[in-house]
Amino acid sequence: MDKFKIGKIRIKLRAYDHAVLDKCVWDIVHNVKRTGGRIAGPVPLPTKRTVYTVLRSPHVDKKSREQFELRIHNRLIDIVKSTQQTTEALKNLNLPAGVDVEIKMLSEE
C-alpha cells in the first residue's frame, strides 16, 4: 500500500524572457486541463531586477558610466488535483532551454 499519495504539485518557473515564460505556463496549464487535472494559478511572482553599473572608459572619465539590467521573471503554478495522465504529460513536456523549472510534489499522509 502507498503510504504517501500525491496531494499537490507546485511548479515554479523562472526565465529572463517573459514571452517564453508565458508560453511555457500556457503549455503546462493546457496539458493539465486536457488530462483532467485542476489548477490554481498561474501566479506572477515579483520580478527580480539586478542593475550592473560599469565604467565606459578603462582609464579616465569616472563620470561616464553605463548601466545594464538583468530581469528574472517568476511564475507559480499549483496543481491541486492531478491524475496519472497529468504526471505523464508533465514528464513528456518539452520546454525551451531558457526556462528554469522547479517541481515540488507535496504529499498528504
PDB file of N, CA and C in Angstrom:
ATOM      1  N   MET A   1       0.832  -1.184   0.000  1.00  0.00           N
ATOM      2  CA  MET A   1       0.000   0.000   0.000  1.00  0.00           C
ATOM      3  C   MET A   1       0.874   1.244   0.000  1.00  0.00           C
ATOM      4  N   ASP A   2       0.375   2.254  -0.679  1.00  0.00           N
ATOM      5  CA  ASP A   2       1.104   3.516  -0.710  1.00  0.00           C
ATOM      6  C   ASP A   2       0.832   4.292   0.563  1.00  0.00           C
ATOM      7  N   LYS A   3       1.890   4.649   1.256  1.00  0.00           N
ATOM      8  CA  LYS A   3       1.739   5.456   2.457  1.00  0.00           C
ATOM      9  C   LYS A   3       1.518   6.916   2.089  1.00  0.00           C
ATOM     10  N   PHE A   4       2.206   7.374   1.039  1.00  0.00           N
ATOM     11  CA  PHE A   4       2.101   8.758   0.604  1.00  0.00           C
ATOM     12  C   PHE A   4       1.370   8.815  -0.726  1.00  0.00           C
ATOM     13  N   LYS A   5       0.454   9.732  -0.841  1.00  0.00           N
ATOM     14  CA  LYS A   5      -0.246   9.974  -2.097  1.00  0.00           C
ATOM     15  C   LYS A   5       0.079  11.386  -2.553  1.00  0.00           C
ATOM     16  N   ILE A   6       0.064  11.565  -3.857  1.00  0.00           N
ATOM     17  CA  ILE A   6       0.347  12.894  -4.396  1.00  0.00           C
ATOM     18  C   ILE A   6      -0.834  13.794  -4.087  1.00  0.00           C
ATOM     19  N   GLY A   7      -0.608  14.794  -3.269  1.00  0.00           N
ATOM     20  CA  GLY A   7      -1.676  15.707  -2.907  1.00  0.00           C
ATOM     21  C   GLY A   7      -1.709  16.931  -3.793  1.00  0.00           C
ATOM     22  N   LYS A   8      -0.557  17.567  -3.933  1.00  0.00           N
ATOM     23  CA  LYS A   8      -0.483  18.806  -4.694  1.00  0.00           C
ATOM     24  C   LYS A   8       0.889  18.895  -5.340  1.00  0.00           C
ATOM     25  N   ILE A   9       0.919  19.448  -6.544  1.00  0.00           N
ATOM     26  CA  ILE A   9       2.175  19.657  -7.249  1.00  0.00           C
ATOM     27  C   ILE A   9       2.370  21.158  -7.394  1.00  0.00           C
ATOM     28  N   ARG A  10       3.524  21.645  -6.966  1.00  0.00           N
ATOM     29  CA  ARG A  10       3.849  23.071  -7.082  1.00  0.00           C
ATOM     30  C   ARG A  10       4.983  23.229  -8.090  1.00  0.00           C
ATOM     31  N   ILE A  11       4.741  24.068  -9.103  1.00  0.00           N
ATOM     32  CA  ILE A  11       5.722  24.291 -10.161  1.00  0.00           C
ATOM     33  C   ILE A  11       6.128  25.756 -10.135  1.00  0.00           C
ATOM     34  N   LYS A  12       7.435  26.004  -9.992  1.00  0.00           N
ATOM     35  CA  LYS A  12       7.976  27.364 -10.070  1.00  0.00           C
ATOM     36  C   LYS A  12       8.772  27.472 -11.359  1.00  0.00           C
ATOM     37  N   LEU A  13       8.514  28.521 -12.118  1.00  0.00           N
ATOM     38  CA  LEU A  13       9.197  28.752 -13.384  1.00  0.00           C
ATOM     39  C   LEU A  13       9.938  30.075 -13.317  1.00  0.00           C
ATOM     40  N   ARG A  14      11.167  30.095 -13.848  1.00  0.00           N
ATOM     41  CA  ARG A  14      11.973  31.317 -13.903  1.00  0.00           C
ATOM     42  C   ARG A  14      12.557  31.441 -15.295  1.00  0.00           C
ATOM     43  N   ALA A  15      12.606  32.686 -15.803  1.00  0.00           N
ATOM     44  CA  ALA A  15      13.211  32.931 -17.111  1.00  0.00           C
ATOM     45  C   ALA A  15      13.582  34.401 -17.225  1.00  0.00           C
ATOM     46  N   TYR A  16      14.498  34.675 -18.146  1.00  0.00           N
ATOM     47  CA  TYR A  16      14.874  36.056 -18.434  1.00  0.00           C
ATOM     48  C   TYR A  16      13.876  36.714 -19.372  1.00  0.00           C
ATOM     49  N   ASP A  17      13.284  35.948 -20.266  1.00  0.00           N
ATOM     50  CA  ASP A  17      12.351  36.469 -21.265  1.00  0.00           C
ATOM     51  C   ASP A  17      10.923  36.137 -20.834  1.00  0.00           C
ATOM     52  N   HIS A  18      10.107  37.153 -20.618  1.00  0.00           N
ATOM     53  CA  HIS A  18       8.751  36.919 -20.124  1.00  0.00           C
ATOM     54  C   HIS A  18       7.854  36.276 -21.176  1.00  0.00           C
ATOM     55  N   ALA A  19       8.110  36.504 -22.457  1.00  0.00           N
ATOM     56  CA  ALA A  19       7.278  35.910 -23.505  1.00  0.00           C
ATOM     57  C   ALA A  19       7.462  34.391 -23.553  1.00  0.00           C
ATOM     58  N   VAL A  20       8.695  33.936 -23.438  1.00  0.00           N
ATOM     59  CA  VAL A  20       8.971  32.494 -23.420  1.00  0.00           C
ATOM     60  C   VAL A  20       8.376  31.866 -22.164  1.00  0.00           C
ATOM     61  N   LEU A  21       8.470  32.573 -21.055  1.00  0.00           N
ATOM     62  CA  LEU A  21       7.924  32.078 -19.795  1.00  0.00           C
ATOM     63  C   LEU A  21       6.409  31.936 -19.869  1.00  0.00           C
ATOM     64  N   ASP A  22       5.727  32.930 -20.427  1.00  0.00           N
ATOM     65  CA  ASP A  22       4.273  32.861 -20.545  1.00  0.00           C
ATOM     66  C   ASP A  22       3.832  31.740 -21.476  1.00  0.00           C
ATOM     67  N   LYS A  23       4.602  31.457 -22.525  1.00  0.00           N
ATOM     68  CA  LYS A  23       4.275  30.354 -23.427  1.00  0.00           C
ATOM     69  C   LYS A  23       4.414  29.018 -22.702  1.00  0.00           C
ATOM     70  N   CYS A  24       5.450  28.868 -21.885  1.00  0.00           N
ATOM     71  CA  CYS A  24       5.633  27.643 -21.105  1.00  0.00           C
ATOM     72  C   CYS A  24       4.510  27.455 -20.095  1.00  0.00           C
ATOM     73  N   VAL A  25       4.105  28.541 -19.453  1.00  0.00           N
ATOM     74  CA  VAL A  25       2.996  28.481 -18.498  1.00  0.00           C
ATOM     75  C   VAL A  25       1.723  28.053 -19.216  1.00  0.00           C
ATOM     76  N   TRP A  26       1.485  28.602 -20.405  1.00  0.00           N
ATOM     77  CA  TRP A  26       0.293  28.234 -21.169  1.00  0.00           C
ATOM     78  C   TRP A  26       0.333  26.753 -21.542  1.00  0.00           C
ATOM     79  N   ASP A  27       1.507  26.238 -21.945  1.00  0.00           N
ATOM     80  CA  ASP A  27       1.639  24.821 -22.291  1.00  0.00           C
ATOM     81  C   ASP A  27       1.333  23.925 -21.098  1.00  0.00           C
ATOM     82  N   ILE A  28       1.849  24.276 -19.930  1.00  0.00           N
ATOM     83  CA  ILE A  28       1.615  23.467 -18.732  1.00  0.00           C
ATOM     84  C   ILE A  28       0.142  23.491 -18.345  1.00  0.00           C
ATOM     85  N   VAL A  29      -0.460  24.678 -18.327  1.00  0.00           N
ATOM     86  CA  VAL A  29      -1.875  24.803 -17.953  1.00  0.00           C
ATOM     87  C   VAL A  29      -2.755  24.038 -18.938  1.00  0.00           C
ATOM     88  N   HIS A  30      -2.455  24.140 -20.226  1.00  0.00           N
ATOM     89  CA  HIS A  30      -3.238  23.450 -21.255  1.00  0.00           C
ATOM     90  C   HIS A  30      -3.145  21.930 -21.083  1.00  0.00           C
ATOM     91  N   ASN A  31      -1.943  21.409 -20.828  1.00  0.00           N
ATOM     92  CA  ASN A  31      -1.779  19.967 -20.654  1.00  0.00           C
ATOM     93  C   ASN A  31      -2.459  19.457 -19.389  1.00  0.00           C
ATOM     94  N   VAL A  32      -2.399  20.225 -18.311  1.00  0.00           N
ATOM     95  CA  VAL A  32      -3.037  19.794 -17.063  1.00  0.00           C
ATOM     96  C   VAL A  32      -4.553  19.765 -17.226  1.00  0.00           C
ATOM     97  N   LYS A  33      -5.121  20.798 -17.837  1.00  0.00           N
ATOM     98  CA  LYS A  33      -6.573  20.823 -18.031  1.00  0.00           C
ATOM     99  C   LYS A  33      -7.028  19.746 -19.005  1.00  0.00           C
ATOM    100  N   ARG A  34      -6.202  19.448 -20.016  1.00  0.00           N
ATOM    101  CA  ARG A  34      -6.556  18.436 -21.011  1.00  0.00           C
ATOM    102  C   ARG A  34      -6.592  17.040 -20.392  1.00  0.00           C
ATOM    103  N   THR A  35      -5.736  16.785 -19.407  1.00  0.00           N
ATOM    104  CA  THR A  35      -5.667  15.465 -18.788  1.00  0.00           C
ATOM    105  C   THR A  35      -6.575  15.328 -17.568  1.00  0.00           C
ATOM    106  N   GLY A  36      -7.364  16.344 -17.263  1.00  0.00           N
ATOM    107  CA  GLY A  36      -8.337  16.233 -16.186  1.00  0.00           C
ATOM    108  C   GLY A  36      -7.860  16.727 -14.838  1.00  0.00           C
ATOM    109  N   GLY A  37      -6.787  17.453 -14.781  1.00  0.00           N
ATOM    110  CA  GLY A  37      -6.303  17.997 -13.517  1.00  0.00           C
ATOM    111  C   GLY A  37      -6.938  19.342 -13.205  1.00  0.00           C
ATOM    112  N   ARG A  38      -6.871  19.732 -11.938  1.00  0.00           N
ATOM    113  CA  ARG A  38      -7.378  21.037 -11.524  1.00  0.00           C
ATOM    114  C   ARG A  38      -6.197  21.900 -11.123  1.00  0.00           C
ATOM    115  N   ILE A  39      -6.236  23.162 -11.536  1.00  0.00           N
ATOM    116  CA  ILE A  39      -5.068  24.022 -11.403  1.00  0.00           C
ATOM    117  C   ILE A  39      -5.430  25.306 -10.657  1.00  0.00           C
ATOM    118  N   ALA A  40      -4.467  25.830  -9.901  1.00  0.00           N
ATOM    119  CA  ALA A  40      -4.606  27.133  -9.252  1.00  0.00           C
ATOM    120  C   ALA A  40      -3.466  28.002  -9.762  1.00  0.00           C
ATOM    121  N   GLY A  41      -3.810  29.083 -10.406  1.00  0.00           N
ATOM    122  CA  GLY A  41      -2.772  29.956 -10.948  1.00  0.00           C
ATOM    123  C   GLY A  41      -2.936  30.100 -12.436  1.00  0.00           C
ATOM    124  N   PRO A  42      -1.972  30.547 -13.116  1.00  0.00           N
ATOM    125  CA  PRO A  42      -0.613  30.894 -12.728  1.00  0.00           C
ATOM    126  C   PRO A  42      -0.545  32.215 -11.963  1.00  0.00           C
ATOM    127  N   VAL A  43       0.330  32.244 -10.987  1.00  0.00           N
ATOM    128  CA  VAL A  43       0.518  33.420 -10.150  1.00  0.00           C
ATOM    129  C   VAL A  43       1.831  34.092 -10.556  1.00  0.00           C
ATOM    130  N   PRO A  44       1.779  35.351 -11.014  1.00  0.00           N
ATOM    131  CA  PRO A  44       3.033  36.042 -11.328  1.00  0.00           C
ATOM    132  C   PRO A  44       3.708  36.512 -10.038  1.00  0.00           C
ATOM    133  N   LEU A  45       4.880  35.992  -9.775  1.00  0.00           N
ATOM    134  CA  LEU A  45       5.652  36.383  -8.600  1.00  0.00           C
ATOM    135  C   LEU A  45       6.481  37.622  -8.932  1.00  0.00           C
ATOM    136  N   PRO A  46       7.004  38.322  -7.935  1.00  0.00           N
ATOM    137  CA  PRO A  46       7.775  39.540  -8.212  1.00  0.00           C
ATOM    138  C   PRO A  46       8.996  39.275  -9.095  1.00  0.00           C
ATOM    139  N   THR A  47       9.248  40.217  -9.986  1.00  0.00           N
ATOM    140  CA  THR A  47      10.387  40.134 -10.894  1.00  0.00           C
ATOM    141  C   THR A  47      11.627  40.669 -10.186  1.00  0.00           C
ATOM    142  N   LYS A  48      12.697  39.874 -10.206  1.00  0.00           N
ATOM    143  CA  LYS A  48      13.950  40.303  -9.590  1.00  0.00           C
ATOM    144  C   LYS A  48      14.735  41.102 -10.622  1.00  0.00           C
ATOM    145  N   ARG A  49      15.121  42.309 -10.247  1.00  0.00           N
ATOM    146  CA  ARG A  49      15.819  43.214 -11.160  1.00  0.00           C
ATOM    147  C   ARG A  49      17.190  43.524 -10.572  1.00  0.00           C
ATOM    148  N   THR A  50      18.232  43.222 -11.338  1.00  0.00           N
ATOM    149  CA  THR A  50      19.604  43.486 -10.927  1.00  0.00           C
ATOM    150  C   THR A  50      20.221  44.461 -11.914  1.00  0.00           C
ATOM    151  N   VAL A  51      20.800  45.553 -11.392  1.00  0.00           N
ATOM    152  CA  VAL A  51      21.413  46.574 -12.243  1.00  0.00           C
ATOM    153  C   VAL A  51      22.924  46.539 -12.024  1.00  0.00           C
ATOM    154  N   TYR A  52      23.658  46.465 -13.129  1.00  0.00           N
ATOM    155  CA  TYR A  52      25.115  46.500 -13.100  1.00  0.00           C
ATOM    156  C   TYR A  52      25.575  47.814 -13.714  1.00  0.00           C
ATOM    157  N   THR A  53      26.429  48.536 -12.998  1.00  0.00           N
ATOM    158  CA  THR A  53      26.987  49.793 -13.491  1.00  0.00           C
ATOM    159  C   THR A  53      28.467  49.583 -13.774  1.00  0.00           C
ATOM    160  N   VAL A  54      28.869  49.914 -15.001  1.00  0.00           N
ATOM    161  CA  VAL A  54      30.271  49.751 -15.402  1.00  0.00           C
ATOM    162  C   VAL A  54      30.788  51.065 -15.974  1.00  0.00           C
ATOM    163  N   LEU A  55      32.101  51.243 -15.898  1.00  0.00           N
ATOM    164  CA  LEU A  55      32.732  52.419 -16.489  1.00  0.00           C
ATOM    165  C   LEU A  55      32.837  52.224 -18.000  1.00  0.00           C
ATOM    166  N   ARG A  56      32.549  53.282 -18.754  1.00  0.00           N
ATOM    167  CA  ARG A  56      32.660  53.196 -20.210  1.00  0.00           C
ATOM    168  C   ARG A  56      34.108  53.201 -20.659  1.00  0.00           C
ATOM    169  N   SER A  57      34.927  53.941 -19.958  1.00  0.00           N
ATOM    170  CA  SER A  57      36.331  54.079 -20.327  1.00  0.00           C
ATOM    171  C   SER A  57      37.190  53.307 -19.329  1.00  0.00           C
ATOM    172  N   PRO A  58      38.226  52.635 -19.797  1.00  0.00           N
ATOM    173  CA  PRO A  58      39.060  51.882 -18.858  1.00  0.00           C
ATOM    174  C   PRO A  58      40.039  52.742 -18.059  1.00  0.00           C
ATOM    175  N   HIS A  59      40.256  54.008 -18.477  1.00  0.00           N
ATOM    176  CA  HIS A  59      41.316  54.788 -17.839  1.00  0.00           C
ATOM    177  C   HIS A  59      40.785  56.018 -17.099  1.00  0.00           C
ATOM    178  N   VAL A  60      40.158  56.942 -17.812  1.00  0.00           N
ATOM    179  CA  VAL A  60      39.683  58.185 -17.195  1.00  0.00           C
ATOM    180  C   VAL A  60      38.173  58.288 -17.385  1.00  0.00           C
ATOM    181  N   ASP A  61      37.638  59.445 -17.126  1.00  0.00           N
ATOM    182  CA  ASP A  61      36.200  59.719 -17.266  1.00  0.00           C
ATOM    183  C   ASP A  61      35.371  58.866 -16.302  1.00  0.00           C
ATOM    184  N   LYS A  62      35.572  59.111 -15.027  1.00  0.00           N
ATOM    185  CA  LYS A  62      34.845  58.373 -13.993  1.00  0.00           C
ATOM    186  C   LYS A  62      33.338  58.649 -14.051  1.00  0.00           C
ATOM    187  N   LYS A  63      32.962  59.844 -14.511  1.00  0.00           N
ATOM    188  CA  LYS A  63      31.547  60.195 -14.544  1.00  0.00           C
ATOM    189  C   LYS A  63      30.799  59.528 -15.696  1.00  0.00           C
ATOM    190  N   SER A  64      31.513  59.019 -16.664  1.00  0.00           N
ATOM    191  CA  SER A  64      30.878  58.374 -17.812  1.00  0.00           C
ATOM    192  C   SER A  64      30.692  56.887 -17.509  1.00  0.00           C
ATOM    193  N   ARG A  65      29.456  56.522 -17.217  1.00  0.00           N
ATOM    194  CA  ARG A  65      29.153  55.137 -16.852  1.00  0.00           C
ATOM    195  C   ARG A  65      28.001  54.615 -17.695  1.00  0.00           C
ATOM    196  N   GLU A  66      27.895  53.307 -17.724  1.00  0.00           N
ATOM    197  CA  GLU A  66      26.812  52.665 -18.457  1.00  0.00           C
ATOM    198  C   GLU A  66      26.156  51.646 -17.527  1.00  0.00           C
ATOM    199  N   GLN A  67      24.830  51.535 -17.631  1.00  0.00           N
ATOM    200  CA  GLN A  67      24.106  50.613 -16.765  1.00  0.00           C
ATOM    201  C   GLN A  67      23.449  49.515 -17.590  1.00  0.00           C
ATOM    202  N   PHE A  68      23.558  48.294 -17.076  1.00  0.00           N
ATOM    203  CA  PHE A  68      22.904  47.133 -17.674  1.00  0.00           C
ATOM    204  C   PHE A  68      22.013  46.521 -16.612  1.00  0.00           C
ATOM    205  N   GLU A  69      20.865  46.017 -17.040  1.00  0.00           N
ATOM    206  CA  GLU A  69      19.981  45.390 -16.066  1.00  0.00           C
ATOM    207  C   GLU A  69      19.618  43.984 -16.504  1.00  0.00           C
ATOM    208  N   LEU A  70      19.371  43.156 -15.507  1.00  0.00           N
ATOM    209  CA  LEU A  70      19.007  41.771 -15.710  1.00  0.00           C
ATOM    210  C   LEU A  70      17.712  41.536 -14.950  1.00  0.00           C
ATOM    211  N   ARG A  71      16.684  41.102 -15.657  1.00  0.00           N
ATOM    212  CA  ARG A  71      15.397  40.838 -15.016  1.00  0.00           C
ATOM    213  C   ARG A  71      15.114  39.346 -15.034  1.00  0.00           C
ATOM    214  N   ILE A  72      14.715  38.814 -13.891  1.00  0.00           N
ATOM    215  CA  ILE A  72      14.340  37.408 -13.787  1.00  0.00           C
ATOM    216  C   ILE A  72      12.851  37.370 -13.446  1.00  0.00           C
ATOM    217  N   HIS A  73      12.056  36.867 -14.385  1.00  0.00           N
ATOM    218  CA  HIS A  73      10.610  36.776 -14.225  1.00  0.00           C
ATOM    219  C   HIS A  73      10.266  35.428 -13.600  1.00  0.00           C
ATOM    220  N   ASN A  74       9.293  35.414 -12.696  1.00  0.00           N
ATOM    221  CA  ASN A  74       8.907  34.209 -11.964  1.00  0.00           C
ATOM    222  C   ASN A  74       7.410  33.970 -12.084  1.00  0.00           C
ATOM    223  N   ARG A  75       7.025  32.705 -12.176  1.00  0.00           N
ATOM    224  CA  ARG A  75       5.616  32.311 -12.167  1.00  0.00           C
ATOM    225  C   ARG A  75       5.473  31.101 -11.246  1.00  0.00           C
ATOM    226  N   LEU A  76       4.288  30.961 -10.660  1.00  0.00           N
ATOM    227  CA  LEU A  76       3.981  29.850  -9.769  1.00  0.00           C
ATOM    228  C   LEU A  76       2.685  29.204 -10.227  1.00  0.00           C
ATOM    229  N   ILE A  77       2.696  27.880 -10.345  1.00  0.00           N
ATOM    230  CA  ILE A  77       1.503  27.125 -10.725  1.00  0.00           C
ATOM    231  C   ILE A  77       1.309  26.034  -9.682  1.00  0.00           C
ATOM    232  N   ASP A  78       0.106  25.932  -9.125  1.00  0.00           N
ATOM    233  CA  ASP A  78      -0.245  24.848  -8.209  1.00  0.00           C
ATOM    234  C   ASP A  78      -1.238  23.933  -8.903  1.00  0.00           C
ATOM    235  N   ILE A  79      -0.910  22.650  -8.952  1.00  0.00           N
ATOM    236  CA  ILE A  79      -1.839  21.655  -9.477  1.00  0.00           C
ATOM    237  C   ILE A  79      -2.488  21.018  -8.260  1.00  0.00           C
ATOM    238  N   VAL A  80      -3.757  21.344  -8.047  1.00  0.00           N
ATOM    239  CA  VAL A  80      -4.463  20.919  -6.841  1.00  0.00           C
ATOM    240  C   VAL A  80      -4.877  19.461  -6.948  1.00  0.00           C
ATOM    241  N   LYS A  81      -5.404  19.075  -8.109  1.00  0.00           N
ATOM    242  CA  LYS A  81      -5.849  17.697  -8.327  1.00  0.00           C
ATOM    243  C   LYS A  81      -5.135  17.172  -9.562  1.00  0.00           C
ATOM    244  N   SER A  82      -4.382  16.102  -9.401  1.00  0.00           N
ATOM    245  CA  SER A  82      -3.664  15.549 -10.544  1.00  0.00           C
ATOM    246  C   SER A  82      -4.028  14.084 -10.730  1.00  0.00           C
ATOM    247  N   THR A  83      -3.951  13.651 -11.968  1.00  0.00           N
ATOM    248  CA  THR A  83      -4.192  12.259 -12.311  1.00  0.00           C
ATOM    249  C   THR A  83      -2.880  11.654 -12.801  1.00  0.00           C
ATOM    250  N   GLN A  84      -2.910  10.364 -13.081  1.00  0.00           N
ATOM    251  CA  GLN A  84      -1.725   9.697 -13.621  1.00  0.00           C
ATOM    252  C   GLN A  84      -1.369  10.266 -14.987  1.00  0.00           C
ATOM    253  N   GLN A  85      -2.390  10.596 -15.795  1.00  0.00           N
ATOM    254  CA  GLN A  85      -2.141  11.179 -17.115  1.00  0.00           C
ATOM    255  C   GLN A  85      -1.499  12.561 -16.981  1.00  0.00           C
ATOM    256  N   THR A  86      -1.853  13.288 -15.930  1.00  0.00           N
ATOM    257  CA  THR A  86      -1.279  14.617 -15.708  1.00  0.00           C
ATOM    258  C   THR A  86       0.220  14.523 -15.444  1.00  0.00           C
ATOM    259  N   THR A  87       0.619  13.610 -14.579  1.00  0.00           N
ATOM    260  CA  THR A  87       2.046  13.469 -14.283  1.00  0.00           C
ATOM    261  C   THR A  87       2.818  12.977 -15.502  1.00  0.00           C
ATOM    262  N   GLU A  88       2.223  12.079 -16.286  1.00  0.00           N
ATOM    263  CA  GLU A  88       2.886  11.610 -17.512  1.00  0.00           C
ATOM    264  C   GLU A  88       3.020  12.740 -18.526  1.00  0.00           C
ATOM    265  N   ALA A  89       1.983  13.575 -18.646  1.00  0.00           N
ATOM    266  CA  ALA A  89       2.040  14.701 -19.586  1.00  0.00           C
ATOM    267  C   ALA A  89       3.098  15.715 -19.156  1.00  0.00           C
ATOM    268  N   LEU A  90       3.249  15.931 -17.843  1.00  0.00           N
ATOM    269  CA  LEU A  90       4.274  16.858 -17.358  1.00  0.00           C
ATOM    270  C   LEU A  90       5.682  16.304 -17.576  1.00  0.00           C
ATOM    271  N   LYS A  91       5.835  14.980 -17.465  1.00  0.00           N
ATOM    272  CA  LYS A  91       7.147  14.375 -17.706  1.00  0.00           C
ATOM    273  C   LYS A  91       7.554  14.486 -19.170  1.00  0.00           C
ATOM    274  N   ASN A  92       6.590  14.358 -20.072  1.00  0.00           N
ATOM    275  CA  ASN A  92       6.884  14.351 -21.507  1.00  0.00           C
ATOM    276  C   ASN A  92       6.834  15.732 -22.138  1.00  0.00           C
ATOM    277  N   LEU A  93       6.644  16.770 -21.349  1.00  0.00           N
ATOM    278  CA  LEU A  93       6.519  18.124 -21.877  1.00  0.00           C
ATOM    279  C   LEU A  93       7.890  18.678 -22.264  1.00  0.00           C
ATOM    280  N   ASN A  94       7.987  19.221 -23.466  1.00  0.00           N
ATOM    281  CA  ASN A  94       9.233  19.838 -23.935  1.00  0.00           C
ATOM    282  C   ASN A  94       9.160  21.343 -23.707  1.00  0.00           C
ATOM    283  N   LEU A  95      10.073  21.849 -22.885  1.00  0.00           N
ATOM    284  CA  LEU A  95      10.128  23.274 -22.592  1.00  0.00           C
ATOM    285  C   LEU A  95      11.417  23.859 -23.163  1.00  0.00           C
ATOM    286  N   PRO A  96      11.424  25.150 -23.506  1.00  0.00           N
ATOM    287  CA  PRO A  96      12.634  25.770 -24.053  1.00  0.00           C
ATOM    288  C   PRO A  96      13.791  25.764 -23.048  1.00  0.00           C
ATOM    289  N   ALA A  97      14.991  25.941 -23.571  1.00  0.00           N
ATOM    290  CA  ALA A  97      16.192  25.881 -22.740  1.00  0.00           C
ATOM    291  C   ALA A  97      16.323  27.085 -21.809  1.00  0.00           C
ATOM    292  N   GLY A  98      15.659  28.190 -22.088  1.00  0.00           N
ATOM    293  CA  GLY A  98      15.803  29.389 -21.282  1.00  0.00           C
ATOM    294  C   GLY A  98      14.910  29.444 -20.066  1.00  0.00           C
ATOM    295  N   VAL A  99      14.194  28.362 -19.763  1.00  0.00           N
ATOM    296  CA  VAL A  99      13.252  28.357 -18.648  1.00  0.00           C
ATOM    297  C   VAL A  99      13.743  27.379 -17.584  1.00  0.00           C
ATOM    298  N   ASP A 100      13.840  27.862 -16.340  1.00  0.00           N
ATOM    299  CA  ASP A 100      14.226  27.030 -15.207  1.00  0.00           C
ATOM    300  C   ASP A 100      12.952  26.548 -14.524  1.00  0.00           C
ATOM    301  N   VAL A 101      12.818  25.239 -14.357  1.00  0.00           N
ATOM    302  CA  VAL A 101      11.612  24.645 -13.783  1.00  0.00           C
ATOM    303  C   VAL A 101      11.977  23.958 -12.475  1.00  0.00           C
ATOM    304  N   GLU A 102      11.215  24.264 -11.429  1.00  0.00           N
ATOM    305  CA  GLU A 102      11.388  23.612 -10.134  1.00  0.00           C
ATOM    306  C   GLU A 102      10.045  22.996  -9.757  1.00  0.00           C
ATOM    307  N   ILE A 103      10.020  21.675  -9.567  1.00  0.00           N
ATOM    308  CA  ILE A 103       8.776  20.963  -9.275  1.00  0.00           C
ATOM    309  C   ILE A 103       8.869  20.366  -7.877  1.00  0.00           C
ATOM    310  N   LYS A 104       7.847  20.632  -7.067  1.00  0.00           N
ATOM    311  CA  LYS A 104       7.745  20.034  -5.737  1.00  0.00           C
ATOM    312  C   LYS A 104       6.445  19.253  -5.676  1.00  0.00           C
ATOM    313  N   MET A 105       6.547  18.007  -5.248  1.00  0.00           N
ATOM    314  CA  MET A 105       5.356  17.183  -5.065  1.00  0.00           C
ATOM    315  C   MET A 105       5.080  17.117  -3.572  1.00  0.00           C
ATOM    316  N   LEU A 106       3.993  17.732  -3.156  1.00  0.00           N
ATOM    317  CA  LEU A 106       3.618  17.761  -1.752  1.00  0.00           C
ATOM    318  C   LEU A 106       2.694  16.588  -1.482  1.00  0.00           C
ATOM    319  N   SER A 107       3.040  15.759  -0.518  1.00  0.00           N
ATOM    320  CA  SER A 107       2.254  14.557  -0.253  1.00  0.00           C
ATOM    321  C   SER A 107       1.338  14.776   0.939  1.00  0.00           C
ATOM    322  N   GLU A 108       0.251  14.024   0.926  1.00  0.00           N
ATOM    323  CA  GLU A 108      -0.691  14.039   2.045  1.00  0.00           C
ATOM    324  C   GLU A 108      -0.608  12.691   2.730  1.00  0.00           C
ATOM    325  N   GLU A 109      -0.468  12.708   4.033  1.00  0.00           N
ATOM    326  CA  GLU A 109      -0.367  11.444   4.765  1.00  0.00           C
ATOM    327  C   GLU A 109      -1.733  10.964   5.178  1.00  0.00           C
TER     328      GLU A 109
END
